[in-house]
Amino acid sequence: MSDIAQFQAERLELNEIVMTHANREIKRFFNLDTQTYTDGALPKKTKELLGLVASMVLRCDDCIKYHLVECHKEGFTTAEITEAFSVALIVGGSIVIPHLRRAYKAWEELLDQEGE
């Protein structure tokens, strides 16, 4: 199983577990997260890129993978992703580099899946 496929399967499984225990506040937070990334004054595509940069700066590998998958679905090019990574690196500093490495690996996997 690919790294991206494994990530998506685990995320789905863990979200289902969370929701079996979730109270109103947790459910509302999850809903707010979902609604935040829908089209509004900014299109979903832009919001996903913002989420990707923020996730890189915050150094959350799960969030980075999630937003990379969504950015891929939204049709971003490698050049656009690279510019977003550049913003994350300049804002977050050298501590972002390990996450940058893993993000490029995930991006390449998404591009490889595209060709299948």
N, C-alpha and C. Protein backbone atom coordinates (compact mmCIF):
# COMPACT_ATOMS: atom_id res chain seq x y z
N MET A 1 0.86 -1.18 0.00
CA MET A 1 0.00 0.00 0.00
C MET A 1 0.90 1.24 0.00
N SER A 2 0.56 2.22 -0.82
CA SER A 2 1.34 3.44 -0.90
C SER A 2 1.21 4.25 0.39
N ASP A 3 2.16 5.14 0.60
CA ASP A 3 2.14 5.99 1.78
C ASP A 3 0.89 6.85 1.84
N ILE A 4 0.50 7.41 0.69
CA ILE A 4 -0.71 8.25 0.63
C ILE A 4 -1.95 7.41 0.91
N ALA A 5 -2.04 6.24 0.29
CA ALA A 5 -3.20 5.37 0.50
C ALA A 5 -3.28 4.93 1.96
N GLN A 6 -2.14 4.61 2.54
CA GLN A 6 -2.11 4.21 3.95
C GLN A 6 -2.55 5.37 4.84
N PHE A 7 -2.06 6.58 4.54
CA PHE A 7 -2.46 7.77 5.29
C PHE A 7 -3.97 7.97 5.22
N GLN A 8 -4.52 7.89 4.00
CA GLN A 8 -5.95 8.13 3.83
C GLN A 8 -6.79 7.07 4.54
N ALA A 9 -6.36 5.81 4.48
CA ALA A 9 -7.10 4.74 5.15
C ALA A 9 -7.06 4.93 6.67
N GLU A 10 -5.88 5.25 7.18
CA GLU A 10 -5.75 5.45 8.63
C GLU A 10 -6.56 6.66 9.09
N ARG A 11 -6.52 7.74 8.31
CA ARG A 11 -7.26 8.95 8.67
C ARG A 11 -8.76 8.65 8.73
N LEU A 12 -9.26 7.92 7.74
CA LEU A 12 -10.67 7.55 7.72
C LEU A 12 -11.03 6.70 8.94
N GLU A 13 -10.22 5.69 9.21
CA GLU A 13 -10.47 4.81 10.35
C GLU A 13 -10.46 5.58 11.66
N LEU A 14 -9.46 6.45 11.85
CA LEU A 14 -9.35 7.19 13.10
C LEU A 14 -10.46 8.23 13.25
N ASN A 15 -10.86 8.85 12.14
CA ASN A 15 -11.98 9.80 12.21
C ASN A 15 -13.27 9.09 12.61
N GLU A 16 -13.46 7.87 12.12
CA GLU A 16 -14.65 7.10 12.51
C GLU A 16 -14.63 6.80 14.01
N ILE A 17 -13.46 6.48 14.54
CA ILE A 17 -13.35 6.23 15.98
C ILE A 17 -13.65 7.50 16.76
N VAL A 18 -13.07 8.62 16.33
CA VAL A 18 -13.32 9.90 17.00
C VAL A 18 -14.82 10.18 17.04
N MET A 19 -15.48 9.99 15.91
CA MET A 19 -16.90 10.33 15.83
C MET A 19 -17.79 9.41 16.68
N THR A 20 -17.33 8.22 16.99
CA THR A 20 -18.12 7.36 17.88
C THR A 20 -18.11 7.91 19.31
N HIS A 21 -17.12 8.71 19.63
CA HIS A 21 -16.98 9.28 20.98
C HIS A 21 -17.27 10.77 21.03
N ALA A 22 -17.40 11.39 19.87
CA ALA A 22 -17.44 12.85 19.79
C ALA A 22 -18.66 13.44 20.48
N ASN A 23 -18.40 14.50 21.22
CA ASN A 23 -19.49 15.29 21.80
C ASN A 23 -19.82 16.43 20.83
N ARG A 24 -20.70 17.29 21.23
CA ARG A 24 -21.14 18.39 20.38
C ARG A 24 -19.98 19.29 19.98
N GLU A 25 -19.10 19.60 20.89
CA GLU A 25 -17.99 20.51 20.59
C GLU A 25 -17.03 19.92 19.56
N ILE A 26 -16.71 18.64 19.70
CA ILE A 26 -15.82 17.99 18.73
C ILE A 26 -16.49 17.95 17.36
N LYS A 27 -17.76 17.58 17.33
CA LYS A 27 -18.48 17.53 16.05
C LYS A 27 -18.53 18.91 15.40
N ARG A 28 -18.76 19.93 16.20
CA ARG A 28 -18.81 21.29 15.66
C ARG A 28 -17.46 21.72 15.11
N PHE A 29 -16.39 21.35 15.81
CA PHE A 29 -15.05 21.71 15.33
C PHE A 29 -14.76 21.02 14.00
N PHE A 30 -15.06 19.74 13.91
CA PHE A 30 -14.84 19.00 12.66
C PHE A 30 -15.66 19.63 11.53
N ASN A 31 -16.90 20.01 11.82
CA ASN A 31 -17.75 20.64 10.81
C ASN A 31 -17.19 22.00 10.41
N LEU A 32 -16.71 22.77 11.37
CA LEU A 32 -16.12 24.07 11.08
C LEU A 32 -14.90 23.91 10.17
N ASP A 33 -14.09 22.91 10.45
CA ASP A 33 -12.92 22.63 9.61
C ASP A 33 -13.36 22.33 8.17
N THR A 34 -14.36 21.48 8.02
CA THR A 34 -14.86 21.14 6.69
C THR A 34 -15.40 22.37 5.97
N GLN A 35 -16.19 23.16 6.66
CA GLN A 35 -16.82 24.32 6.05
C GLN A 35 -15.80 25.41 5.69
N THR A 36 -14.73 25.52 6.45
CA THR A 36 -13.72 26.53 6.20
C THR A 36 -13.10 26.38 4.82
N TYR A 37 -12.98 25.14 4.34
CA TYR A 37 -12.31 24.89 3.07
C TYR A 37 -13.26 24.80 1.88
N THR A 38 -14.47 25.35 2.01
CA THR A 38 -15.39 25.41 0.88
C THR A 38 -15.25 26.77 0.19
N ASP A 39 -15.77 26.86 -1.04
CA ASP A 39 -15.73 28.13 -1.76
C ASP A 39 -16.43 29.22 -0.98
N GLY A 40 -15.83 30.38 -0.98
CA GLY A 40 -16.40 31.57 -0.35
C GLY A 40 -15.82 32.76 -1.07
N ALA A 41 -15.47 33.81 -0.33
CA ALA A 41 -14.79 34.95 -0.95
C ALA A 41 -13.48 34.48 -1.59
N LEU A 42 -12.87 33.47 -0.97
CA LEU A 42 -11.71 32.79 -1.56
C LEU A 42 -12.17 31.43 -2.05
N PRO A 43 -11.70 31.01 -3.22
CA PRO A 43 -12.08 29.68 -3.70
C PRO A 43 -11.41 28.58 -2.89
N LYS A 44 -12.02 27.40 -2.90
CA LYS A 44 -11.48 26.23 -2.20
C LYS A 44 -10.02 26.01 -2.56
N LYS A 45 -9.69 26.16 -3.82
CA LYS A 45 -8.32 25.94 -4.29
C LYS A 45 -7.32 26.81 -3.51
N THR A 46 -7.64 28.08 -3.36
CA THR A 46 -6.76 29.00 -2.63
C THR A 46 -6.67 28.60 -1.16
N LYS A 47 -7.81 28.25 -0.58
CA LYS A 47 -7.83 27.88 0.83
C LYS A 47 -6.99 26.63 1.10
N GLU A 48 -7.02 25.68 0.18
CA GLU A 48 -6.20 24.48 0.36
C GLU A 48 -4.72 24.81 0.34
N LEU A 49 -4.33 25.75 -0.53
CA LEU A 49 -2.93 26.16 -0.58
C LEU A 49 -2.54 26.88 0.70
N LEU A 50 -3.43 27.71 1.21
CA LEU A 50 -3.18 28.38 2.49
C LEU A 50 -3.04 27.35 3.62
N GLY A 51 -3.92 26.35 3.60
CA GLY A 51 -3.84 25.29 4.60
C GLY A 51 -2.53 24.53 4.51
N LEU A 52 -2.06 24.30 3.29
CA LEU A 52 -0.79 23.60 3.09
C LEU A 52 0.36 24.40 3.68
N VAL A 53 0.43 25.69 3.37
CA VAL A 53 1.51 26.53 3.89
C VAL A 53 1.46 26.59 5.42
N ALA A 54 0.27 26.78 5.97
CA ALA A 54 0.14 26.84 7.42
C ALA A 54 0.58 25.52 8.06
N SER A 55 0.21 24.41 7.45
CA SER A 55 0.57 23.10 7.98
C SER A 55 2.07 22.87 7.93
N MET A 56 2.72 23.37 6.88
CA MET A 56 4.17 23.25 6.79
C MET A 56 4.83 24.05 7.91
N VAL A 57 4.36 25.28 8.10
CA VAL A 57 4.95 26.14 9.13
C VAL A 57 4.72 25.55 10.52
N LEU A 58 3.54 24.95 10.72
CA LEU A 58 3.22 24.34 12.01
C LEU A 58 3.83 22.94 12.16
N ARG A 59 4.39 22.42 11.06
CA ARG A 59 5.12 21.15 11.05
C ARG A 59 4.22 19.96 11.42
N CYS A 60 3.05 19.93 10.79
CA CYS A 60 2.11 18.83 11.00
C CYS A 60 2.09 17.95 9.75
N ASP A 61 2.81 16.82 9.79
CA ASP A 61 2.92 15.97 8.61
C ASP A 61 1.57 15.43 8.14
N ASP A 62 0.69 15.07 9.06
CA ASP A 62 -0.64 14.61 8.66
C ASP A 62 -1.40 15.71 7.91
N CYS A 63 -1.33 16.91 8.43
CA CYS A 63 -2.02 18.03 7.79
C CYS A 63 -1.41 18.34 6.43
N ILE A 64 -0.10 18.27 6.35
CA ILE A 64 0.59 18.51 5.07
C ILE A 64 0.11 17.50 4.04
N LYS A 65 0.08 16.22 4.40
CA LYS A 65 -0.39 15.19 3.47
C LYS A 65 -1.83 15.44 3.05
N TYR A 66 -2.67 15.75 4.03
CA TYR A 66 -4.07 16.00 3.72
C TYR A 66 -4.20 17.13 2.69
N HIS A 67 -3.53 18.25 2.95
CA HIS A 67 -3.65 19.40 2.05
C HIS A 67 -2.97 19.15 0.71
N LEU A 68 -1.91 18.34 0.69
CA LEU A 68 -1.31 17.98 -0.60
C LEU A 68 -2.29 17.17 -1.45
N VAL A 69 -2.97 16.23 -0.82
CA VAL A 69 -3.98 15.45 -1.55
C VAL A 69 -5.06 16.38 -2.10
N GLU A 70 -5.53 17.30 -1.28
CA GLU A 70 -6.57 18.23 -1.72
C GLU A 70 -6.04 19.18 -2.80
N CYS A 71 -4.80 19.64 -2.66
CA CYS A 71 -4.21 20.51 -3.68
C CYS A 71 -4.07 19.76 -5.00
N HIS A 72 -3.72 18.49 -4.92
CA HIS A 72 -3.62 17.68 -6.13
C HIS A 72 -4.98 17.56 -6.80
N LYS A 73 -6.02 17.32 -6.01
CA LYS A 73 -7.38 17.24 -6.54
C LYS A 73 -7.79 18.56 -7.19
N GLU A 74 -7.31 19.67 -6.64
CA GLU A 74 -7.67 21.00 -7.15
C GLU A 74 -6.85 21.37 -8.39
N GLY A 75 -5.89 20.53 -8.76
CA GLY A 75 -5.17 20.74 -10.01
C GLY A 75 -3.93 21.61 -9.94
N PHE A 76 -3.37 21.77 -8.75
CA PHE A 76 -2.14 22.56 -8.66
C PHE A 76 -1.01 21.89 -9.42
N THR A 77 -0.14 22.70 -9.98
CA THR A 77 1.04 22.19 -10.66
C THR A 77 2.19 22.08 -9.66
N THR A 78 3.21 21.36 -10.06
CA THR A 78 4.40 21.25 -9.21
C THR A 78 5.04 22.62 -9.00
N ALA A 79 5.04 23.44 -10.03
CA ALA A 79 5.61 24.79 -9.89
C ALA A 79 4.84 25.60 -8.84
N GLU A 80 3.52 25.49 -8.82
CA GLU A 80 2.72 26.22 -7.83
C GLU A 80 2.97 25.68 -6.43
N ILE A 81 3.05 24.37 -6.30
CA ILE A 81 3.32 23.76 -5.00
C ILE A 81 4.70 24.18 -4.51
N THR A 82 5.67 24.22 -5.41
CA THR A 82 7.03 24.63 -5.04
C THR A 82 7.05 26.06 -4.53
N GLU A 83 6.30 26.95 -5.17
CA GLU A 83 6.25 28.33 -4.67
C GLU A 83 5.59 28.40 -3.30
N ALA A 84 4.57 27.60 -3.08
CA ALA A 84 3.94 27.56 -1.75
C ALA A 84 4.93 27.03 -0.72
N PHE A 85 5.68 25.99 -1.09
CA PHE A 85 6.70 25.46 -0.19
C PHE A 85 7.75 26.53 0.13
N SER A 86 8.09 27.34 -0.85
CA SER A 86 9.07 28.41 -0.63
C SER A 86 8.56 29.41 0.41
N VAL A 87 7.28 29.74 0.34
CA VAL A 87 6.69 30.64 1.33
C VAL A 87 6.75 30.00 2.71
N ALA A 88 6.38 28.73 2.80
CA ALA A 88 6.42 28.02 4.09
C ALA A 88 7.83 27.98 4.66
N LEU A 89 8.80 27.76 3.80
CA LEU A 89 10.19 27.67 4.25
C LEU A 89 10.70 29.03 4.74
N ILE A 90 10.36 30.09 4.04
CA ILE A 90 10.83 31.41 4.46
C ILE A 90 10.15 31.85 5.75
N VAL A 91 8.89 31.50 5.92
CA VAL A 91 8.17 31.87 7.14
C VAL A 91 8.60 30.98 8.31
N GLY A 92 8.70 29.68 8.05
CA GLY A 92 8.98 28.73 9.13
C GLY A 92 10.44 28.53 9.44
N GLY A 93 11.31 28.80 8.47
CA GLY A 93 12.75 28.63 8.68
C GLY A 93 13.21 27.21 8.43
N SER A 94 14.46 26.98 8.73
CA SER A 94 15.10 25.70 8.39
C SER A 94 14.47 24.50 9.11
N ILE A 95 13.75 24.73 10.19
CA ILE A 95 13.11 23.62 10.89
C ILE A 95 12.02 22.96 10.01
N VAL A 96 11.59 23.66 8.97
CA VAL A 96 10.59 23.14 8.05
C VAL A 96 11.20 22.12 7.06
N ILE A 97 12.51 22.13 6.90
CA ILE A 97 13.16 21.30 5.87
C ILE A 97 12.79 19.82 5.95
N PRO A 98 12.80 19.17 7.12
CA PRO A 98 12.40 17.75 7.14
C PRO A 98 10.97 17.53 6.62
N HIS A 99 10.09 18.46 6.89
CA HIS A 99 8.70 18.37 6.43
C HIS A 99 8.63 18.64 4.94
N LEU A 100 9.49 19.52 4.46
CA LEU A 100 9.59 19.79 3.03
C LEU A 100 10.00 18.53 2.28
N ARG A 101 10.96 17.80 2.81
CA ARG A 101 11.40 16.55 2.19
C ARG A 101 10.25 15.55 2.08
N ARG A 102 9.55 15.35 3.19
CA ARG A 102 8.44 14.40 3.18
C ARG A 102 7.29 14.88 2.29
N ALA A 103 7.09 16.19 2.24
CA ALA A 103 6.03 16.75 1.40
C ALA A 103 6.32 16.51 -0.07
N TYR A 104 7.55 16.70 -0.48
CA TYR A 104 7.90 16.42 -1.89
C TYR A 104 7.75 14.94 -2.21
N LYS A 105 8.10 14.09 -1.26
CA LYS A 105 7.93 12.65 -1.48
C LYS A 105 6.45 12.33 -1.70
N ALA A 106 5.59 12.90 -0.86
CA ALA A 106 4.14 12.67 -1.00
C ALA A 106 3.63 13.26 -2.31
N TRP A 107 4.10 14.44 -2.68
CA TRP A 107 3.66 15.07 -3.92
C TRP A 107 4.04 14.20 -5.12
N GLU A 108 5.27 13.70 -5.11
CA GLU A 108 5.70 12.82 -6.20
C GLU A 108 4.85 11.56 -6.29
N GLU A 109 4.47 11.03 -5.13
CA GLU A 109 3.60 9.85 -5.12
C GLU A 109 2.24 10.19 -5.74
N LEU A 110 1.71 11.36 -5.40
CA LEU A 110 0.43 11.77 -6.00
C LEU A 110 0.56 11.91 -7.52
N LEU A 111 1.65 12.46 -7.97
CA LEU A 111 1.86 12.60 -9.41
C LEU A 111 2.02 11.24 -10.08
N ASP A 112 2.69 10.32 -9.40
CA ASP A 112 2.86 8.97 -9.94
C ASP A 112 1.50 8.25 -10.05
N GLN A 113 0.64 8.44 -9.06
CA GLN A 113 -0.70 7.82 -9.08
C GLN A 113 -1.52 8.37 -10.23
N GLU A 114 -1.28 9.61 -10.57
CA GLU A 114 -1.98 10.27 -11.65
C GLU A 114 -1.73 9.53 -12.98
N GLY A 115 -0.51 9.03 -13.14
CA GLY A 115 -0.14 8.35 -14.37
C GLY A 115 -0.64 6.91 -14.47
N GLU A 116 -1.16 6.36 -13.38
CA GLU A 116 -1.62 4.96 -13.38
C GLU A 116 -2.94 4.79 -14.07
